[in-house]
Protein backbone atom coordinates (compact mmCIF):
# COMPACT_ATOMS: atom_id res chain seq x y z
CA MET A 1 19.74 62.24 347.80
CA ILE A 2 19.29 58.87 346.53
CA THR A 3 21.50 56.00 348.13
CA ASN A 4 18.98 53.26 347.17
CA ILE A 5 17.34 51.71 344.64
CA LEU A 6 14.48 51.22 346.93
CA ASP A 7 14.11 55.12 347.01
CA TYR A 8 12.38 54.99 343.98
CA LEU A 9 9.90 52.40 344.50
CA GLU A 10 9.42 53.92 347.18
CA ASP A 11 8.42 57.53 345.96
CA THR A 12 6.50 55.95 343.24
CA VAL A 13 4.22 54.34 345.70
CA LYS A 14 4.05 57.48 347.52
CA LYS A 15 2.83 59.49 344.36
CA TYR A 16 0.80 56.51 342.44
CA PRO A 17 -0.11 53.87 344.69
CA GLU A 18 -2.88 52.40 342.83
CA LYS A 19 -1.32 52.47 339.37
CA ILE A 20 -0.58 49.72 337.49
CA GLY A 21 3.08 49.12 337.34
CA PHE A 22 3.52 45.61 336.28
CA ARG A 23 2.22 43.23 333.57
CA ASP A 24 2.79 39.43 332.91
CA GLU A 25 1.19 36.76 331.51
CA THR A 26 -0.94 35.57 334.22
CA GLU A 27 -1.75 38.78 336.35
CA GLU A 28 -0.78 42.41 337.34
CA MET A 29 0.20 44.61 339.79
CA THR A 30 -0.29 47.95 341.40
CA PHE A 31 3.06 49.84 343.26
CA LEU A 32 1.43 49.23 346.09
CA GLN A 33 0.82 45.62 345.67
CA PHE A 34 4.65 45.19 344.60
CA GLN A 35 6.24 47.11 347.31
CA ALA A 36 3.99 44.75 349.55
CA GLU A 37 4.68 41.42 348.62
CA ALA A 38 8.63 42.73 348.52
CA LYS A 39 8.35 43.37 351.92
CA LYS A 40 6.50 40.43 352.99
CA VAL A 41 9.24 38.55 351.31
CA ALA A 42 11.92 40.23 353.01
CA MET A 43 10.37 39.22 356.06
CA THR A 44 11.05 35.86 355.53
CA ILE A 45 14.74 36.04 354.75
CA PRO A 46 17.17 35.27 357.86
CA ARG A 47 17.65 38.59 359.98
CA GLU A 48 21.06 37.95 360.45
CA MET A 49 21.80 37.60 356.65
CA LYS A 50 23.21 40.86 355.34
CA ARG A 51 25.16 41.76 352.02
CA GLN A 52 25.00 38.27 351.18
CA PRO A 53 23.63 36.96 347.73
CA ILE A 54 20.51 35.35 347.51
CA VAL A 55 20.14 33.09 344.45
CA VAL A 56 16.56 33.62 342.70
CA PHE A 57 15.50 30.58 340.31
CA MET A 58 12.43 31.86 338.67
CA LYS A 59 11.16 32.40 335.33
CA LYS A 60 10.68 35.47 334.43
CA ALA A 61 7.25 37.45 335.83
CA ILE A 62 5.99 39.83 338.42
CA LYS A 63 6.94 37.70 341.27
CA GLU A 64 10.70 37.48 340.28
CA LEU A 65 10.44 41.25 340.24
CA ALA A 66 9.19 41.49 343.86
CA THR A 67 11.86 39.07 344.88
CA PHE A 68 14.59 41.15 343.74
CA MET A 69 13.32 44.16 345.71
CA GLY A 70 12.51 41.48 348.67
CA ILE A 71 16.44 40.81 348.77
CA VAL A 72 16.90 44.57 348.62
CA TYR A 73 14.74 45.02 351.47
CA SER A 74 16.23 42.38 353.39
CA GLY A 75 19.96 43.96 353.01
CA ASN A 76 21.30 41.46 350.69
CA TYR A 77 21.73 41.39 346.60
CA TYR A 78 20.18 39.27 344.20
CA VAL A 79 21.41 36.66 342.19
CA PRO A 80 18.95 35.46 339.17
CA ILE A 81 19.27 32.09 337.36
CA GLU A 82 17.37 31.21 334.67
CA PRO A 83 15.69 27.83 335.10
CA ASP A 84 16.15 26.47 332.06
CA SER A 85 19.66 26.95 331.48
CA PRO A 86 21.76 23.95 330.93
CA LEU A 87 22.51 22.56 334.30
CA GLU A 88 26.19 22.62 334.05
CA ARG A 89 25.72 26.44 334.09
CA ILE A 90 23.21 26.50 337.08
CA ASP A 91 26.23 24.82 339.00
CA ASN A 92 28.75 26.77 338.03
CA ILE A 93 27.18 30.04 339.19
CA LEU A 94 26.16 28.19 341.92
CA ASN A 95 29.59 26.97 343.31
CA VAL A 96 30.73 30.37 342.59
CA VAL A 97 28.17 32.26 344.53
CA GLU A 98 27.79 30.22 347.51
CA SER A 99 24.75 31.48 348.34
CA LYS A 100 23.40 29.91 351.45
CA LEU A 101 19.62 30.32 350.60
CA ILE A 102 17.73 30.18 347.34
CA ILE A 103 14.07 31.64 346.55
CA SER A 104 11.98 29.95 343.91
CA ASP A 105 8.42 28.84 343.29
CA ASP A 106 5.79 26.62 343.32
CA VAL A 107 6.75 25.40 339.73
CA TYR A 108 11.00 24.91 340.67
CA ILE A 109 10.98 24.38 344.34
CA ASP A 110 11.03 20.68 344.35
CA ARG A 111 13.40 20.38 341.59
CA ILE A 112 15.91 22.98 343.81
CA ARG A 113 15.01 20.89 347.02
CA GLU A 114 15.82 17.58 344.72
CA LYS A 115 18.96 18.90 343.70
CA MET A 116 20.45 20.69 346.89
CA GLY A 117 19.44 18.79 349.30
CA GLU A 118 19.77 19.76 352.70
CA ASN A 119 22.90 22.05 352.28
CA ILE A 120 21.69 25.53 351.56
CA THR A 121 17.69 26.54 352.92
CA ILE A 122 15.11 27.18 350.16
CA ILE A 123 12.58 29.75 350.30
CA ASN A 124 8.97 29.21 348.54
CA TYR A 125 8.18 32.98 347.08
CA ASN A 126 3.96 31.58 347.35
CA SER A 127 4.46 30.70 351.06
CA SER A 128 6.31 34.09 351.98
CA LEU A 129 3.13 36.12 351.03
CA ASN A 130 1.62 34.95 354.44
CA ALA A 131 4.61 36.55 356.49
CA GLU A 132 3.76 39.51 358.68
CA ILE A 133 5.68 42.54 357.58
CA ASP A 134 7.73 44.57 360.31
CA GLU A 135 7.97 48.21 359.35
CA ASP A 136 10.65 49.39 361.72
CA TYR A 137 12.96 46.18 361.00
CA LEU A 138 12.24 46.97 357.15
CA LEU A 139 13.34 50.78 357.73
CA ARG A 140 16.34 50.17 359.64
CA THR A 141 17.76 47.50 357.53
CA LYS A 142 17.11 49.86 354.51
CA ASN A 143 18.87 52.65 356.50
CA GLY A 144 22.06 50.79 357.37
CA GLN A 145 22.76 50.13 353.60
CA LEU A 146 25.45 52.00 351.28
CA ASP A 147 24.88 53.09 347.90
CA THR A 148 28.25 51.16 347.40
CA ASP A 149 26.76 48.41 348.57
CA PRO A 150 26.01 45.43 345.83
CA LEU A 151 22.54 45.52 344.01
CA TYR A 152 22.72 42.11 341.92
CA VAL A 153 25.20 39.47 340.52
CA LEU A 154 24.40 38.85 337.07
CA PHE A 155 26.51 36.35 335.32
CA THR A 156 27.79 36.95 331.54
CA SER A 157 29.45 33.93 329.56
CA GLY A 158 30.82 36.06 326.87
CA SER A 159 32.44 34.16 323.86
CA THR A 160 34.37 31.69 326.38
CA GLY A 161 31.55 30.20 327.40
CA THR A 162 32.54 30.11 331.16
CA PRO A 163 30.00 31.86 333.54
CA LYS A 164 31.37 35.37 334.99
CA GLY A 165 29.54 37.08 338.06
CA VAL A 166 29.27 40.85 337.55
CA ILE A 167 29.14 43.09 340.70
CA ILE A 168 26.97 45.90 340.49
CA SER A 169 26.48 48.58 343.28
CA HIS A 170 23.38 50.78 343.78
CA HIS A 171 25.05 53.72 343.24
CA ALA A 172 25.96 52.08 339.48
CA VAL A 173 22.39 51.45 338.87
CA ILE A 174 21.05 54.65 339.95
CA ASP A 175 23.62 57.07 338.38
CA TYR A 176 22.29 54.82 334.97
CA THR A 177 18.62 54.81 335.70
CA GLU A 178 18.75 58.67 336.43
CA TRP A 179 20.64 59.02 332.70
CA CYS A 180 17.72 56.74 331.01
CA VAL A 181 14.82 58.77 332.35
CA GLU A 182 16.82 62.50 331.73
CA THR A 183 17.87 61.23 328.01
CA PHE A 184 14.93 59.13 327.12
CA ASP A 185 12.13 61.34 329.02
CA PHE A 186 10.19 57.95 330.50
CA SER A 187 7.76 59.23 332.68
CA GLN A 188 4.28 57.91 334.53
CA GLU A 189 2.86 57.23 330.32
CA THR A 190 5.65 54.75 329.35
CA ILE A 191 4.75 51.27 328.61
CA PHE A 192 7.79 49.05 328.45
CA ALA A 193 7.46 45.80 326.55
CA ASN A 194 9.88 43.69 328.36
CA GLN A 195 12.08 41.26 325.97
CA SER A 196 14.98 40.59 327.76
CA SER A 197 15.45 37.97 330.94
CA PHE A 198 15.73 39.23 334.17
CA CYS A 199 19.10 37.51 334.04
CA PHE A 200 20.71 39.65 331.06
CA ASP A 201 21.18 43.38 332.02
CA ASN A 202 19.39 44.53 329.25
CA SER A 203 16.30 44.13 332.07
CA VAL A 204 18.44 46.97 333.89
CA LEU A 205 17.45 49.74 332.05
CA GLU A 206 13.04 48.18 332.48
CA ILE A 207 12.87 47.65 335.29
CA TYR A 208 14.54 50.76 337.31
CA SER A 209 13.14 53.47 334.92
CA THR A 210 9.51 51.93 335.41
CA LEU A 211 10.43 52.30 339.33
CA LYS A 212 12.03 56.10 339.41
CA ALA A 213 9.45 57.08 336.62
CA GLY A 214 6.28 55.21 337.66
CA ALA A 215 5.84 53.55 334.09
CA VAL A 216 4.31 50.09 333.16
CA LEU A 217 6.29 47.22 332.63
CA ASP A 218 4.92 44.47 330.36
CA ILE A 219 6.35 41.51 331.11
CA ILE A 220 6.48 39.58 327.56
CA PRO A 221 6.67 35.85 327.68
CA GLU A 222 9.61 34.39 326.30
CA LYS A 223 7.84 32.20 323.72
CA LEU A 224 6.34 35.28 321.62
CA PHE A 225 9.22 36.54 320.42
CA VAL A 226 10.45 33.09 318.40
CA PHE A 227 7.04 34.13 316.19
CA PRO A 228 7.46 37.68 315.02
CA ARG A 229 4.00 38.37 314.51
CA LYS A 230 3.18 37.38 317.99
CA ALA A 231 5.66 39.78 319.40
CA LEU A 232 3.87 42.46 316.98
CA GLU A 233 0.55 41.61 318.29
CA ALA A 234 1.43 42.07 321.98
CA LEU A 235 2.26 45.75 320.88
CA LYS A 236 -0.71 46.39 319.55
CA ASP A 237 -2.49 44.82 322.50
CA LYS A 238 -0.89 46.02 325.70
CA GLU A 239 -0.91 49.44 323.97
CA VAL A 240 3.10 49.67 324.31
CA ASN A 241 5.05 52.88 323.11
CA THR A 242 8.45 51.90 324.17
CA ILE A 243 10.58 48.91 323.58
CA PHE A 244 14.26 47.92 324.33
CA TRP A 245 14.93 44.96 322.38
CA VAL A 246 17.91 43.24 321.37
CA PRO A 247 18.60 43.59 317.71
CA SER A 248 18.34 40.01 317.01
CA VAL A 249 14.63 40.36 317.66
CA LEU A 250 14.59 43.85 315.56
CA VAL A 251 16.20 41.86 312.60
CA SER A 252 13.75 38.98 313.19
CA ILE A 253 10.91 40.94 312.70
CA ALA A 254 12.22 43.45 309.85
CA ASN A 255 13.25 40.08 307.61
CA ALA A 256 9.73 38.15 308.30
CA ASN A 257 8.52 41.26 305.85
CA ILE A 258 5.11 42.12 308.14
CA LEU A 259 5.99 45.15 309.54
CA SER A 260 3.40 47.00 306.71
CA GLU A 261 0.79 44.58 308.11
CA TYR A 262 0.88 46.37 311.52
CA VAL A 263 -0.61 49.70 312.47
CA LEU A 264 0.89 50.67 316.12
CA PRO A 265 0.07 53.89 316.57
CA ASN A 266 1.57 54.22 320.28
CA LEU A 267 4.63 53.02 319.65
CA LYS A 268 7.27 56.08 320.06
CA LYS A 269 10.45 55.27 320.95
CA ILE A 270 12.63 52.11 319.78
CA LEU A 271 15.73 51.55 321.88
CA PHE A 272 18.19 48.33 320.83
CA CYS A 273 21.39 46.81 322.58
CA GLY A 274 22.94 44.20 323.05
CA GLU A 275 24.84 43.62 319.46
CA VAL A 276 25.31 45.26 316.04
CA MET A 277 21.99 46.62 314.34
CA PRO A 278 22.65 46.27 310.59
CA ASN A 279 21.18 49.41 309.14
CA LYS A 280 19.28 47.16 306.44
CA GLN A 281 16.85 45.77 308.71
CA LEU A 282 16.93 49.01 310.77
CA ASN A 283 16.29 50.74 307.69
CA VAL A 284 12.78 48.56 307.19
CA TRP A 285 12.15 49.69 310.64
CA ARG A 286 12.25 53.34 309.82
CA LYS A 287 10.12 52.83 306.64
CA TYR A 288 7.53 51.73 308.67
CA PHE A 289 7.10 53.90 311.63
CA PRO A 290 9.31 56.91 310.29
CA ASP A 291 8.32 58.89 312.81
CA ALA A 292 9.35 57.31 315.91
CA PHE A 293 12.60 57.79 317.41
CA TYR A 294 15.58 55.20 317.20
CA ALA A 295 18.29 54.81 319.46
CA ASN A 296 21.50 52.53 319.43
CA LEU A 297 22.80 51.81 322.94
CA TYR A 298 26.26 50.53 323.59
CA GLY A 299 28.32 48.91 326.55
CA PRO A 300 28.99 45.46 328.77
CA THR A 301 27.27 43.99 331.66
CA GLU A 302 30.22 45.05 333.56
CA ILE A 303 29.74 48.98 333.18
CA THR A 304 26.04 48.70 334.08
CA ASP A 305 24.22 47.98 330.85
CA VAL A 306 25.46 51.13 328.59
CA CYS A 307 27.77 53.57 328.77
CA THR A 308 27.22 55.18 324.80
CA TYR A 309 25.15 56.30 322.86
CA TYR A 310 23.92 57.03 319.63
CA ILE A 311 20.50 58.71 318.69
CA VAL A 312 19.59 57.98 314.86
CA GLU A 313 18.32 61.01 313.08
CA ARG A 314 20.01 60.89 309.64
CA GLU A 315 19.79 58.57 307.17
CA PHE A 316 22.19 55.27 306.35
CA GLN A 317 22.72 52.99 303.83
CA ASP A 318 22.50 49.42 304.19
CA GLU A 319 25.99 48.75 304.15
CA GLU A 320 27.15 51.62 306.90
CA MET A 321 27.78 50.98 310.30
CA LEU A 322 25.59 52.36 312.28
CA PRO A 323 27.24 53.95 315.18
CA ILE A 324 27.10 53.61 319.15
CA GLY A 325 27.77 57.30 319.27
CA LYS A 326 29.02 59.11 322.72
CA ALA A 327 29.41 58.45 326.00
CA CYS A 328 26.79 58.37 328.61
CA LYS A 329 26.30 61.17 331.27
CA ASN A 330 28.99 60.97 333.99
CA THR A 331 30.95 58.38 331.82
CA GLN A 332 34.06 58.71 329.87
CA ILE A 333 34.97 56.81 326.82
CA LEU A 334 38.70 56.53 325.69
CA VAL A 335 40.01 54.74 322.54
CA LEU A 336 43.73 53.27 323.35
CA ASN A 337 45.94 51.85 320.85
CA GLU A 338 48.64 49.03 321.48
CA LYS A 339 50.89 51.63 323.01
CA ASN A 340 47.84 53.08 325.63
CA GLU A 341 47.57 56.57 323.30
CA LEU A 342 44.54 57.92 322.79
CA CYS A 343 43.90 57.12 318.79
CA ASN A 344 43.09 59.63 316.67
CA THR A 345 39.98 60.08 314.46
CA GLY A 346 40.03 57.07 312.37
CA GLU A 347 42.62 54.90 314.14
CA ALA A 348 40.95 51.61 315.53
CA GLY A 349 41.70 51.09 319.14
CA GLU A 350 40.52 49.31 322.14
CA ILE A 351 37.42 51.34 324.13
CA TYR A 352 38.26 51.55 327.54
CA VAL A 353 35.41 53.34 329.83
CA ARG A 354 35.73 55.17 333.23
CA GLY A 355 32.68 56.44 335.95
CA SER A 356 30.48 55.35 338.33
CA CYS A 357 29.01 52.84 336.06
CA LEU A 358 31.93 50.57 336.41
CA SER A 359 31.12 47.17 338.67
CA PHE A 360 33.10 45.58 341.72
CA GLY A 361 34.65 43.02 339.24
CA TYR A 362 34.11 39.57 338.80
CA TYR A 363 32.66 37.53 341.53
CA GLY A 364 34.96 34.93 343.84
CA ASP A 365 37.80 35.99 340.80
CA LEU A 366 40.31 38.50 341.63
CA GLU A 367 42.75 37.36 338.90
CA ARG A 368 40.32 37.67 336.02
CA THR A 369 38.67 41.33 337.93
CA GLU A 370 42.53 42.64 337.57
CA GLN A 371 43.03 41.51 334.50
CA ALA A 372 39.66 43.34 332.85
CA PHE A 373 40.01 46.75 335.24
CA VAL A 374 42.78 48.27 334.85
CA GLN A 375 45.08 51.34 335.94
CA ASN A 376 44.44 54.52 334.00
CA PRO A 377 47.51 54.98 332.00
CA LEU A 378 47.10 58.24 331.35
CA ASN A 379 46.67 58.95 335.00
CA ASN A 380 50.19 58.46 337.36
CA LYS A 381 48.86 60.37 340.31
CA TRP A 382 46.39 58.38 341.74
CA LYS A 383 44.53 54.59 341.56
CA GLU A 384 41.83 55.18 338.97
CA LEU A 385 40.16 51.85 337.66
CA LEU A 386 39.25 51.50 333.79
CA TYR A 387 37.30 48.85 332.43
CA ARG A 388 38.94 47.53 329.41
CA THR A 389 36.11 46.20 327.31
CA GLY A 390 37.74 44.32 324.57
CA ASP A 391 35.73 45.76 322.09
CA ILE A 392 37.60 47.94 318.87
CA ALA A 393 36.26 51.14 317.93
CA LYS A 394 37.16 54.43 315.98
CA TYR A 395 35.79 57.44 315.72
CA ASN A 396 34.70 59.02 313.03
CA GLU A 397 35.09 62.15 310.56
CA LYS A 398 31.85 63.27 312.63
CA GLY A 399 33.12 62.53 316.02
CA GLU A 400 30.80 59.45 316.24
CA LEU A 401 31.98 55.99 317.76
CA LEU A 402 31.94 53.09 315.36
CA TYR A 403 31.71 49.97 316.90
CA LEU A 404 34.33 47.63 314.89
CA GLY A 405 33.84 44.17 316.66
CA ARG A 406 35.62 42.36 319.48
CA LYS A 407 39.46 42.29 320.34
CA ASP A 408 39.43 38.56 319.89
CA PHE A 409 37.18 38.95 316.63
CA GLN A 410 40.57 40.91 314.83
CA ILE A 411 42.77 38.74 313.30
CA LYS A 412 45.91 39.22 311.74
CA HIS A 413 45.41 37.30 308.25
CA ASN A 414 47.98 37.33 305.76
CA GLY A 415 50.06 40.41 306.91
CA TYR A 416 46.70 42.44 307.24
CA ARG A 417 44.63 43.56 310.24
CA ILE A 418 41.28 42.59 310.24
CA GLU A 419 37.97 43.37 311.99
CA LEU A 420 35.56 40.66 311.28
CA GLY A 421 32.51 43.19 312.02
CA GLU A 422 33.25 44.93 308.87
CA ILE A 423 32.96 41.50 306.74
CA GLU A 424 29.55 40.90 308.60
CA ALA A 425 28.43 44.52 307.99
CA ALA A 426 29.32 44.04 304.60
CA ALA A 427 27.59 40.74 304.39
CA TYR A 428 24.53 42.28 305.94
CA ALA A 429 23.84 44.49 302.90
CA LEU A 430 23.19 41.83 300.56
CA GLU A 431 19.18 41.77 300.70
CA GLU A 432 19.00 38.11 300.78
CA ILE A 433 21.12 37.32 303.89
CA LYS A 434 19.37 37.81 307.07
CA GLN A 435 21.78 36.82 310.03
CA CYS A 436 25.75 36.44 309.72
CA CYS A 437 28.41 35.93 311.86
CA ALA A 438 32.26 36.05 310.57
CA LEU A 439 34.89 33.54 312.59
CA TYR A 440 38.23 32.66 312.08
CA ASN A 441 39.86 29.69 312.23
CA GLN A 442 43.02 29.86 313.49
CA GLN A 443 44.36 26.11 313.13
CA LYS A 444 43.61 26.32 309.34
CA LYS A 445 44.17 30.05 308.61
CA GLN A 446 40.32 30.98 307.36
CA ILE A 447 38.04 33.29 307.45
CA VAL A 448 34.40 31.61 307.69
CA LEU A 449 31.30 33.40 306.84
CA PHE A 450 28.49 31.90 308.50
CA CYS A 451 25.18 33.36 306.73
CA ALA A 452 21.16 32.99 307.30
CA VAL A 453 19.79 32.99 303.57
CA SER A 454 16.28 33.80 303.04
CA ASN A 455 16.44 32.80 299.11
CA PRO A 456 17.45 29.01 298.48
CA ARG A 457 18.25 30.38 295.40
CA ILE A 458 21.39 32.10 296.70
CA CYS A 459 24.39 29.78 296.96
CA GLU A 460 27.64 30.82 298.50
CA LYS A 461 29.10 31.64 295.46
CA ASP A 462 26.48 34.48 294.91
CA ILE A 463 27.89 35.71 298.32
CA TYR A 464 31.04 35.78 297.42
CA GLU A 465 30.75 37.24 294.09
CA TYR A 466 29.11 40.01 295.85
CA LEU A 467 31.59 40.66 298.91
CA LYS A 468 33.71 40.90 296.11
CA LYS A 469 32.31 44.21 295.14
CA LYS A 470 32.28 45.36 298.77
CA ILE A 471 35.27 44.48 300.67
CA PRO A 472 39.00 44.03 299.64
CA LYS A 473 40.05 40.35 298.71
CA TYR A 474 42.26 39.87 301.78
CA MET A 475 39.19 40.43 303.94
CA LEU A 476 37.47 37.78 301.90
CA PRO A 477 35.89 34.17 303.00
CA ALA A 478 37.84 31.47 302.41
CA VAL A 479 34.46 29.28 303.70
CA ILE A 480 31.02 30.31 303.93
CA VAL A 481 28.15 28.39 305.11
CA ARG A 482 24.47 28.81 304.49
CA LYS A 483 22.15 28.43 307.07
CA GLU A 484 18.28 28.30 307.47
CA LYS A 485 18.82 30.38 310.88
CA LEU A 486 21.50 30.83 313.17
CA GLU A 487 21.22 29.87 316.47
CA LEU A 488 20.68 32.70 319.42
CA ASN A 489 21.68 31.96 322.89
CA GLU A 490 19.65 32.50 325.86
CA ASN A 491 20.30 36.71 325.68
CA GLY A 492 18.79 36.87 322.22
CA LYS A 493 22.08 37.21 320.81
CA ILE A 494 24.01 34.79 317.64
CA ASP A 495 25.58 32.41 319.64
CA ARG A 496 28.83 32.28 318.27
CA VAL A 497 30.49 29.64 320.86
CA LYS A 498 27.99 27.47 319.10
CA LEU A 499 29.23 28.25 315.73
CA LYS A 500 32.75 28.17 316.64
CA LYS A 501 32.71 24.68 317.67
CA GLU A 502 30.71 24.09 314.26
CA MET A 503 33.82 25.77 312.60
CA GLU A 504 36.01 23.30 313.87
CA ARG A 505 34.64 20.58 312.70
CA LEU A 506 34.51 21.75 309.08
């Protein structure tokens, strides 16, 4: 019976102690070496600290993952912070978690000390590697943990820009990892190419599937994803066979028109999650890698990364929406209308999620937790919480779930209820549009469409005329803004917060 994610690491160490499990830009590490470093980190954490948040302030690397596991070995839970985040965001996170301990490394330790002063204990990862391991203490600590204990707190800002700390338990990650490995047949032969920051929940699939299956996790430097060719070269050099990337990265590579130049015989599984994947760019990947396995995963951080999935098995036109499919095992999806009734086929409603995947809510914020985690309106017999995602979806005639957009992206305009995601889907079908984002200016009552266009000869009027053939008149944008590219946030998604600010200045 698995009750602690460390069980995965320990089982894999027994099976494959000398197998390389992790590689980054500067080093590689066997599972046995990785476990030893994690245990040394644990020994530097005060023994009286238990079930406490410990902040990890490092760049993405093997040592950050070893620190995560060391914190778990110590009986606590980790809170990663991206060092390059804006100072205001870092301050907000530190104020929320009120951690008494931060673990960093030689690169950032002085910056942390300067900022925090004497108010908090700071551990240097590099120094911790000199610690002596007390196996009896670590075993007692592990045996004292429950699968309902927190494993990590990840901060997500959503569309508001205000960080919210999502608390996820061991049990939720174990449930998710078991499903991932079973559904996608991950094994000791799997080689992942990590793209996401370890502060972003997409990384959870790769980290814990690697620990369970004895796979290899190649940590690709973030700087390579700025250059599509370098990202593909990394896949070739590392002989990667599995990727789980945000759609923005896949779109960027497809838009660069370079897939025909690369032979990647090892690439067998292409998974994506985090935002809408346009079929236009997915069809480019399918053209050059027709034998690969493709899967579209969906889910917010609050439900342990993913709650639905769709295995791409049929052909789609560029302008079609790619389904988000069906619920993961041991998870239920309820699509409810405004009367809290189950929606019929073709009827749009909000996605609610039920299952052990649900987080404990938002750290230190019971008010927002109670707003998002609500009693199942279809059950008045016992307390049963659902997570209301704020996402709008509908079932098609095939019984597949279609994602339509955020509830706050659903607008009422000139008497019509409009999903901004439908406008984006129509725009993506235009060959010259590489990125797009539809927003609503509530003050001016205008639909605004931001577009990154590859051909400078394509003007706003051309885009408008094209959309007239694809969507009803009442959905047409009043303002179209052409840009060279749309900026991405730290998680690799189109930065809607910045675009909203730009829209307000129009």
